[in-house]
Amino acid sequence: MNNRLAAVSLAVLVSSALCASAQESHSISSAFHNDRLKALVLKDMPITGDSFVRVVSGLWISESKDPAKALVFPQQVKITCTHSDKSCKEWSVTLGPVQGMVSVTDVDETEYDVDTWDAHGLIASFGGGEGFSRCQRHVLTMDFDSGAVSVSDIPTHKKGCEAFTETDSYRLVRGNYYVDTSPGNDMDRAKK
């Protein structure tokens, strides 16, 4: 997805600046970490709605066990699919947790064209043509019965797209991020 690519690009720029200016040696994982940012994860459930509209929200998590494939910045998303428009719109909020604060680094909208929609699920996609997302085709799948939602970023192998060689897949985990301000949380213990 274009917002994941933008987040990764931003992360590379910010992490380079942080590492270059830091007095001490810090890993990227510690630079983009704040103990106050927590995730409330819920169990999967069917995607409710009807033959006209389906709505689901949650957190994108990499399908890969490889830590290098994890999203650098956490994303909270809401996806609304409308059958009459034959589209799915994903609104995402990208959070920038760093030591001492959590900021909103980006708010983005991505639109997918619905390729198929039946009583059990849908497949929607965008990219792969010309323009910003010509190097990847992004495919969103929803299983209404199980509640499973995933997106795959598939390389197009076009000339000039050599940096995109692998398919990256993400699943939507139900839940949301929150900032824990309660006394005695991990950040408070570290200061004592």
C-alpha atoms as a PDB file:
ATOM      1  CA  MET A   1       0.000   0.000   0.000  1.00  0.00           C
ATOM      2  CA  ASN A   2       1.214   3.484  -0.722  1.00  0.00           C
ATOM      3  CA  ASN A   3       0.893   4.614   2.897  1.00  0.00           C
ATOM      4  CA  ARG A   4       3.096   1.716   4.073  1.00  0.00           C
ATOM      5  CA  LEU A   5       5.708   2.678   1.457  1.00  0.00           C
ATOM      6  CA  ALA A   6       5.543   6.306   2.568  1.00  0.00           C
ATOM      7  CA  ALA A   7       5.837   5.279   6.232  1.00  0.00           C
ATOM      8  CA  VAL A   8       8.872   3.112   5.489  1.00  0.00           C
ATOM      9  CA  SER A   9      10.487   5.950   3.496  1.00  0.00           C
ATOM     10  CA  LEU A  10       9.800   8.400   6.325  1.00  0.00           C
ATOM     11  CA  ALA A  11      11.165   5.897   8.825  1.00  0.00           C
ATOM     12  CA  VAL A  12      14.415   5.552   6.901  1.00  0.00           C
ATOM     13  CA  LEU A  13      14.852   9.329   6.752  1.00  0.00           C
ATOM     14  CA  VAL A  14      13.966   9.882  10.400  1.00  0.00           C
ATOM     15  CA  SER A  15      16.046   6.969  11.651  1.00  0.00           C
ATOM     16  CA  SER A  16      19.054   8.160   9.640  1.00  0.00           C
ATOM     17  CA  ALA A  17      18.729  11.606  11.189  1.00  0.00           C
ATOM     18  CA  LEU A  18      18.283  10.199  14.700  1.00  0.00           C
ATOM     19  CA  CYS A  19      21.236   7.857  14.387  1.00  0.00           C
ATOM     20  CA  ALA A  20      23.474  10.549  12.906  1.00  0.00           C
ATOM     21  CA  SER A  21      22.686  13.085  15.619  1.00  0.00           C
ATOM     22  CA  ALA A  22      22.520  10.771  18.632  1.00  0.00           C
ATOM     23  CA  GLN A  23      25.267  11.012  21.276  1.00  0.00           C
ATOM     24  CA  GLU A  24      24.745   7.357  22.204  1.00  0.00           C
ATOM     25  CA  SER A  25      24.312   4.303  20.051  1.00  0.00           C
ATOM     26  CA  HIS A  26      20.609   3.357  19.737  1.00  0.00           C
ATOM     27  CA  SER A  27      19.013   0.665  17.625  1.00  0.00           C
ATOM     28  CA  ILE A  28      16.157   1.592  15.285  1.00  0.00           C
ATOM     29  CA  SER A  29      13.753  -0.489  17.367  1.00  0.00           C
ATOM     30  CA  SER A  30      14.619   1.508  20.478  1.00  0.00           C
ATOM     31  CA  ALA A  31      14.442   4.828  18.590  1.00  0.00           C
ATOM     32  CA  PHE A  32      10.877   4.050  17.481  1.00  0.00           C
ATOM     33  CA  HIS A  33       9.563   2.709  20.753  1.00  0.00           C
ATOM     34  CA  ASN A  34       7.496   4.183  23.526  1.00  0.00           C
ATOM     35  CA  ASP A  35       6.327   2.002  26.410  1.00  0.00           C
ATOM     36  CA  ARG A  36       3.154   4.063  26.731  1.00  0.00           C
ATOM     37  CA  LEU A  37       1.863   3.001  23.283  1.00  0.00           C
ATOM     38  CA  LYS A  38      -0.163  -0.169  23.778  1.00  0.00           C
ATOM     39  CA  ALA A  39      -2.349  -2.286  21.522  1.00  0.00           C
ATOM     40  CA  LEU A  40      -5.715  -3.631  22.601  1.00  0.00           C
ATOM     41  CA  VAL A  41      -6.198  -6.733  20.446  1.00  0.00           C
ATOM     42  CA  LEU A  42      -9.625  -8.321  20.069  1.00  0.00           C
ATOM     43  CA  LYS A  43     -10.554 -11.734  18.686  1.00  0.00           C
ATOM     44  CA  ASP A  44     -11.557 -12.086  15.050  1.00  0.00           C
ATOM     45  CA  MET A  45     -15.261 -11.884  14.370  1.00  0.00           C
ATOM     46  CA  PRO A  46     -17.421 -11.956  11.241  1.00  0.00           C
ATOM     47  CA  ILE A  47     -17.551  -8.747   9.234  1.00  0.00           C
ATOM     48  CA  THR A  48     -21.059  -7.471   9.721  1.00  0.00           C
ATOM     49  CA  GLY A  49     -23.000  -5.524   7.163  1.00  0.00           C
ATOM     50  CA  ASP A  50     -25.068  -6.433   4.156  1.00  0.00           C
ATOM     51  CA  SER A  51     -24.777  -6.740   0.394  1.00  0.00           C
ATOM     52  CA  PHE A  52     -24.347  -2.949   0.145  1.00  0.00           C
ATOM     53  CA  VAL A  53     -21.745  -1.959   2.791  1.00  0.00           C
ATOM     54  CA  ARG A  54     -19.084  -3.718   4.898  1.00  0.00           C
ATOM     55  CA  VAL A  55     -16.931  -1.953   7.508  1.00  0.00           C
ATOM     56  CA  VAL A  56     -13.971  -3.303   9.475  1.00  0.00           C
ATOM     57  CA  SER A  57     -11.235  -1.700  11.563  1.00  0.00           C
ATOM     58  CA  GLY A  58      -8.061  -2.723  13.326  1.00  0.00           C
ATOM     59  CA  LEU A  59      -4.260  -2.799  13.113  1.00  0.00           C
ATOM     60  CA  TRP A  60      -2.052  -3.956  10.230  1.00  0.00           C
ATOM     61  CA  ILE A  61       0.412  -6.688  11.268  1.00  0.00           C
ATOM     62  CA  SER A  62       2.969  -8.301   8.952  1.00  0.00           C
ATOM     63  CA  GLU A  63       2.249 -11.926   7.982  1.00  0.00           C
ATOM     64  CA  SER A  64       6.007 -12.588   7.939  1.00  0.00           C
ATOM     65  CA  LYS A  65       7.908 -13.842  10.968  1.00  0.00           C
ATOM     66  CA  ASP A  66      10.921 -11.838   9.703  1.00  0.00           C
ATOM     67  CA  PRO A  67      11.279  -8.734  11.948  1.00  0.00           C
ATOM     68  CA  ALA A  68      12.635  -6.789   8.945  1.00  0.00           C
ATOM     69  CA  LYS A  69       9.195  -7.090   7.289  1.00  0.00           C
ATOM     70  CA  ALA A  70       7.303  -5.582  10.246  1.00  0.00           C
ATOM     71  CA  LEU A  71       5.857  -2.120   9.798  1.00  0.00           C
ATOM     72  CA  VAL A  72       8.228   0.496  11.201  1.00  0.00           C
ATOM     73  CA  PHE A  73       5.329   2.665  12.374  1.00  0.00           C
ATOM     74  CA  PRO A  74       2.075   1.248  13.801  1.00  0.00           C
ATOM     75  CA  GLN A  75      -1.073   1.883  11.760  1.00  0.00           C
ATOM     76  CA  GLN A  76      -4.681   2.061  12.940  1.00  0.00           C
ATOM     77  CA  VAL A  77      -7.074   1.572   9.995  1.00  0.00           C
ATOM     78  CA  LYS A  78     -10.753   1.567   9.082  1.00  0.00           C
ATOM     79  CA  ILE A  79     -11.919   0.050   5.795  1.00  0.00           C
ATOM     80  CA  THR A  80     -15.350   0.751   4.322  1.00  0.00           C
ATOM     81  CA  CYS A  81     -16.429  -1.178   1.233  1.00  0.00           C
ATOM     82  CA  THR A  82     -19.441  -0.013  -0.757  1.00  0.00           C
ATOM     83  CA  HIS A  83     -20.946  -2.365  -3.320  1.00  0.00           C
ATOM     84  CA  SER A  84     -22.742   0.354  -5.342  1.00  0.00           C
ATOM     85  CA  ASP A  85     -19.451   2.285  -5.793  1.00  0.00           C
ATOM     86  CA  LYS A  86     -17.491  -0.943  -6.307  1.00  0.00           C
ATOM     87  CA  SER A  87     -14.819   0.475  -4.003  1.00  0.00           C
ATOM     88  CA  CYS A  88     -13.164   0.025  -0.642  1.00  0.00           C
ATOM     89  CA  LYS A  89     -11.734   3.047   1.150  1.00  0.00           C
ATOM     90  CA  GLU A  90      -9.065   2.566   3.773  1.00  0.00           C
ATOM     91  CA  TRP A  91      -8.445   5.400   6.213  1.00  0.00           C
ATOM     92  CA  SER A  92      -5.222   4.956   8.140  1.00  0.00           C
ATOM     93  CA  VAL A  93      -3.575   6.806  10.975  1.00  0.00           C
ATOM     94  CA  THR A  94       0.158   6.187  11.215  1.00  0.00           C
ATOM     95  CA  LEU A  95       1.597   6.688  14.688  1.00  0.00           C
ATOM     96  CA  GLY A  96       5.146   7.775  15.416  1.00  0.00           C
ATOM     97  CA  PRO A  97       6.140   6.439  18.814  1.00  0.00           C
ATOM     98  CA  VAL A  98       9.528   7.746  19.933  1.00  0.00           C
ATOM     99  CA  GLN A  99      11.057   7.930  23.359  1.00  0.00           C
ATOM    100  CA  GLY A 100       8.919  10.307  25.420  1.00  0.00           C
ATOM    101  CA  MET A 101       6.029  10.917  23.001  1.00  0.00           C
ATOM    102  CA  VAL A 102       3.598   9.397  20.514  1.00  0.00           C
ATOM    103  CA  SER A 103       2.678  11.524  17.512  1.00  0.00           C
ATOM    104  CA  VAL A 104       0.452  11.142  14.481  1.00  0.00           C
ATOM    105  CA  THR A 105       2.856  11.112  11.527  1.00  0.00           C
ATOM    106  CA  ASP A 106       0.319  10.613   8.741  1.00  0.00           C
ATOM    107  CA  VAL A 107      -3.387  10.346   8.021  1.00  0.00           C
ATOM    108  CA  ASP A 108      -4.058   8.754   4.659  1.00  0.00           C
ATOM    109  CA  GLU A 109      -6.885   7.487   2.485  1.00  0.00           C
ATOM    110  CA  THR A 110      -6.371   4.652   0.023  1.00  0.00           C
ATOM    111  CA  GLU A 111      -9.035   3.553  -2.458  1.00  0.00           C
ATOM    112  CA  TYR A 112      -9.289   0.048  -3.881  1.00  0.00           C
ATOM    113  CA  ASP A 113     -11.455  -0.985  -6.836  1.00  0.00           C
ATOM    114  CA  VAL A 114     -13.611  -4.005  -5.994  1.00  0.00           C
ATOM    115  CA  ASP A 115     -12.787  -6.855  -8.373  1.00  0.00           C
ATOM    116  CA  THR A 116     -15.243  -9.424  -6.946  1.00  0.00           C
ATOM    117  CA  TRP A 117     -17.912  -9.306  -4.211  1.00  0.00           C
ATOM    118  CA  ASP A 118     -20.246 -12.119  -3.185  1.00  0.00           C
ATOM    119  CA  ALA A 119     -22.110 -13.177  -0.041  1.00  0.00           C
ATOM    120  CA  HIS A 120     -18.916 -14.556   1.551  1.00  0.00           C
ATOM    121  CA  GLY A 121     -16.280 -11.952   0.787  1.00  0.00           C
ATOM    122  CA  LEU A 122     -14.559  -9.620  -1.612  1.00  0.00           C
ATOM    123  CA  ILE A 123     -11.321  -8.948  -3.435  1.00  0.00           C
ATOM    124  CA  ALA A 124     -10.281  -5.387  -4.249  1.00  0.00           C
ATOM    125  CA  SER A 125      -7.082  -3.912  -5.665  1.00  0.00           C
ATOM    126  CA  PHE A 126      -5.208  -0.860  -6.902  1.00  0.00           C
ATOM    127  CA  GLY A 127      -1.824  -0.023  -8.393  1.00  0.00           C
ATOM    128  CA  GLY A 128       0.346  -1.817 -10.865  1.00  0.00           C
ATOM    129  CA  GLY A 129      -0.451   0.633 -13.654  1.00  0.00           C
ATOM    130  CA  GLU A 130       1.200   3.980 -14.156  1.00  0.00           C
ATOM    131  CA  GLY A 131       1.810   6.609 -11.504  1.00  0.00           C
ATOM    132  CA  PHE A 132       2.844   6.445  -7.865  1.00  0.00           C
ATOM    133  CA  SER A 133       2.077   2.765  -7.297  1.00  0.00           C
ATOM    134  CA  ARG A 134       3.285   1.352 -10.617  1.00  0.00           C
ATOM    135  CA  CYS A 135       5.854  -0.910  -8.941  1.00  0.00           C
ATOM    136  CA  GLN A 136       3.326  -2.856  -6.859  1.00  0.00           C
ATOM    137  CA  ARG A 137      -0.210  -4.181  -7.182  1.00  0.00           C
ATOM    138  CA  HIS A 138      -2.026  -4.032  -3.831  1.00  0.00           C
ATOM    139  CA  VAL A 139      -4.689  -6.697  -3.265  1.00  0.00           C
ATOM    140  CA  LEU A 140      -7.178  -6.518  -0.380  1.00  0.00           C
ATOM    141  CA  THR A 141      -9.166  -9.625   0.569  1.00  0.00           C
ATOM    142  CA  MET A 142     -12.023  -9.911   3.057  1.00  0.00           C
ATOM    143  CA  ASP A 143     -13.738 -13.074   4.243  1.00  0.00           C
ATOM    144  CA  PHE A 144     -17.039 -11.882   5.708  1.00  0.00           C
ATOM    145  CA  ASP A 145     -17.727 -15.154   7.576  1.00  0.00           C
ATOM    146  CA  SER A 146     -14.387 -15.584   9.385  1.00  0.00           C
ATOM    147  CA  GLY A 147     -13.559 -11.875   9.580  1.00  0.00           C
ATOM    148  CA  ALA A 148     -10.139 -12.427   7.992  1.00  0.00           C
ATOM    149  CA  VAL A 149      -8.801  -9.346   6.185  1.00  0.00           C
ATOM    150  CA  SER A 150      -5.429  -9.137   4.469  1.00  0.00           C
ATOM    151  CA  VAL A 151      -3.558  -7.046   1.950  1.00  0.00           C
ATOM    152  CA  SER A 152      -0.673  -8.153  -0.262  1.00  0.00           C
ATOM    153  CA  ASP A 153       1.782  -5.796  -1.942  1.00  0.00           C
ATOM    154  CA  ILE A 154       2.801  -7.690  -5.087  1.00  0.00           C
ATOM    155  CA  PRO A 155       5.756  -6.487  -7.209  1.00  0.00           C
ATOM    156  CA  THR A 156       5.051  -5.767 -10.885  1.00  0.00           C
ATOM    157  CA  HIS A 157       8.675  -6.346 -11.991  1.00  0.00           C
ATOM    158  CA  LYS A 158       8.498  -3.332 -14.296  1.00  0.00           C
ATOM    159  CA  LYS A 159      11.618  -1.521 -15.427  1.00  0.00           C
ATOM    160  CA  GLY A 160      12.713   0.916 -12.720  1.00  0.00           C
ATOM    161  CA  CYS A 161      11.014  -1.146  -9.999  1.00  0.00           C
ATOM    162  CA  GLU A 162      13.987  -3.328  -9.095  1.00  0.00           C
ATOM    163  CA  ALA A 163      13.741  -2.337  -5.410  1.00  0.00           C
ATOM    164  CA  PHE A 164      10.395  -4.195  -5.174  1.00  0.00           C
ATOM    165  CA  THR A 165      11.273  -7.878  -5.448  1.00  0.00           C
ATOM    166  CA  GLU A 166       9.148  -9.629  -2.818  1.00  0.00           C
ATOM    167  CA  THR A 167       5.468  -9.839  -1.996  1.00  0.00           C
ATOM    168  CA  ASP A 168       4.697  -8.409   1.434  1.00  0.00           C
ATOM    169  CA  SER A 169       1.455  -9.428   3.138  1.00  0.00           C
ATOM    170  CA  TYR A 170      -0.304  -7.921   6.129  1.00  0.00           C
ATOM    171  CA  ARG A 171      -3.313  -9.077   8.112  1.00  0.00           C
ATOM    172  CA  LEU A 172      -5.795  -6.909   9.915  1.00  0.00           C
ATOM    173  CA  VAL A 173      -5.945  -7.632  13.635  1.00  0.00           C
ATOM    174  CA  ARG A 174      -9.074  -6.325  15.354  1.00  0.00           C
ATOM    175  CA  GLY A 175      -8.376  -3.759  18.024  1.00  0.00           C
ATOM    176  CA  ASN A 176      -6.817  -0.354  18.475  1.00  0.00           C
ATOM    177  CA  TYR A 177      -3.789   1.484  19.786  1.00  0.00           C
ATOM    178  CA  TYR A 178      -3.970   3.631  22.891  1.00  0.00           C
ATOM    179  CA  VAL A 179      -1.578   5.670  25.013  1.00  0.00           C
ATOM    180  CA  ASP A 180      -1.292   4.281  28.537  1.00  0.00           C
ATOM    181  CA  THR A 181      -1.075   7.207  30.959  1.00  0.00           C
ATOM    182  CA  SER A 182      -1.730   5.178  34.090  1.00  0.00           C
ATOM    183  CA  PRO A 183       0.726   5.510  36.997  1.00  0.00           C
ATOM    184  CA  GLY A 184       3.157   2.623  37.295  1.00  0.00           C
ATOM    185  CA  ASN A 185       3.288   1.742  33.597  1.00  0.00           C
ATOM    186  CA  ASP A 186       6.576   0.662  32.015  1.00  0.00           C
ATOM    187  CA  MET A 187       7.801   4.220  31.368  1.00  0.00           C
ATOM    188  CA  ASP A 188       7.263   5.263  34.986  1.00  0.00           C
ATOM    189  CA  ARG A 189       9.145   2.199  36.284  1.00  0.00           C
ATOM    190  CA  ALA A 190      12.131   3.006  34.063  1.00  0.00           C
ATOM    191  CA  LYS A 191      12.504   6.479  35.629  1.00  0.00           C
ATOM    192  CA  LYS A 192      12.693   5.234  39.236  1.00  0.00           C
END
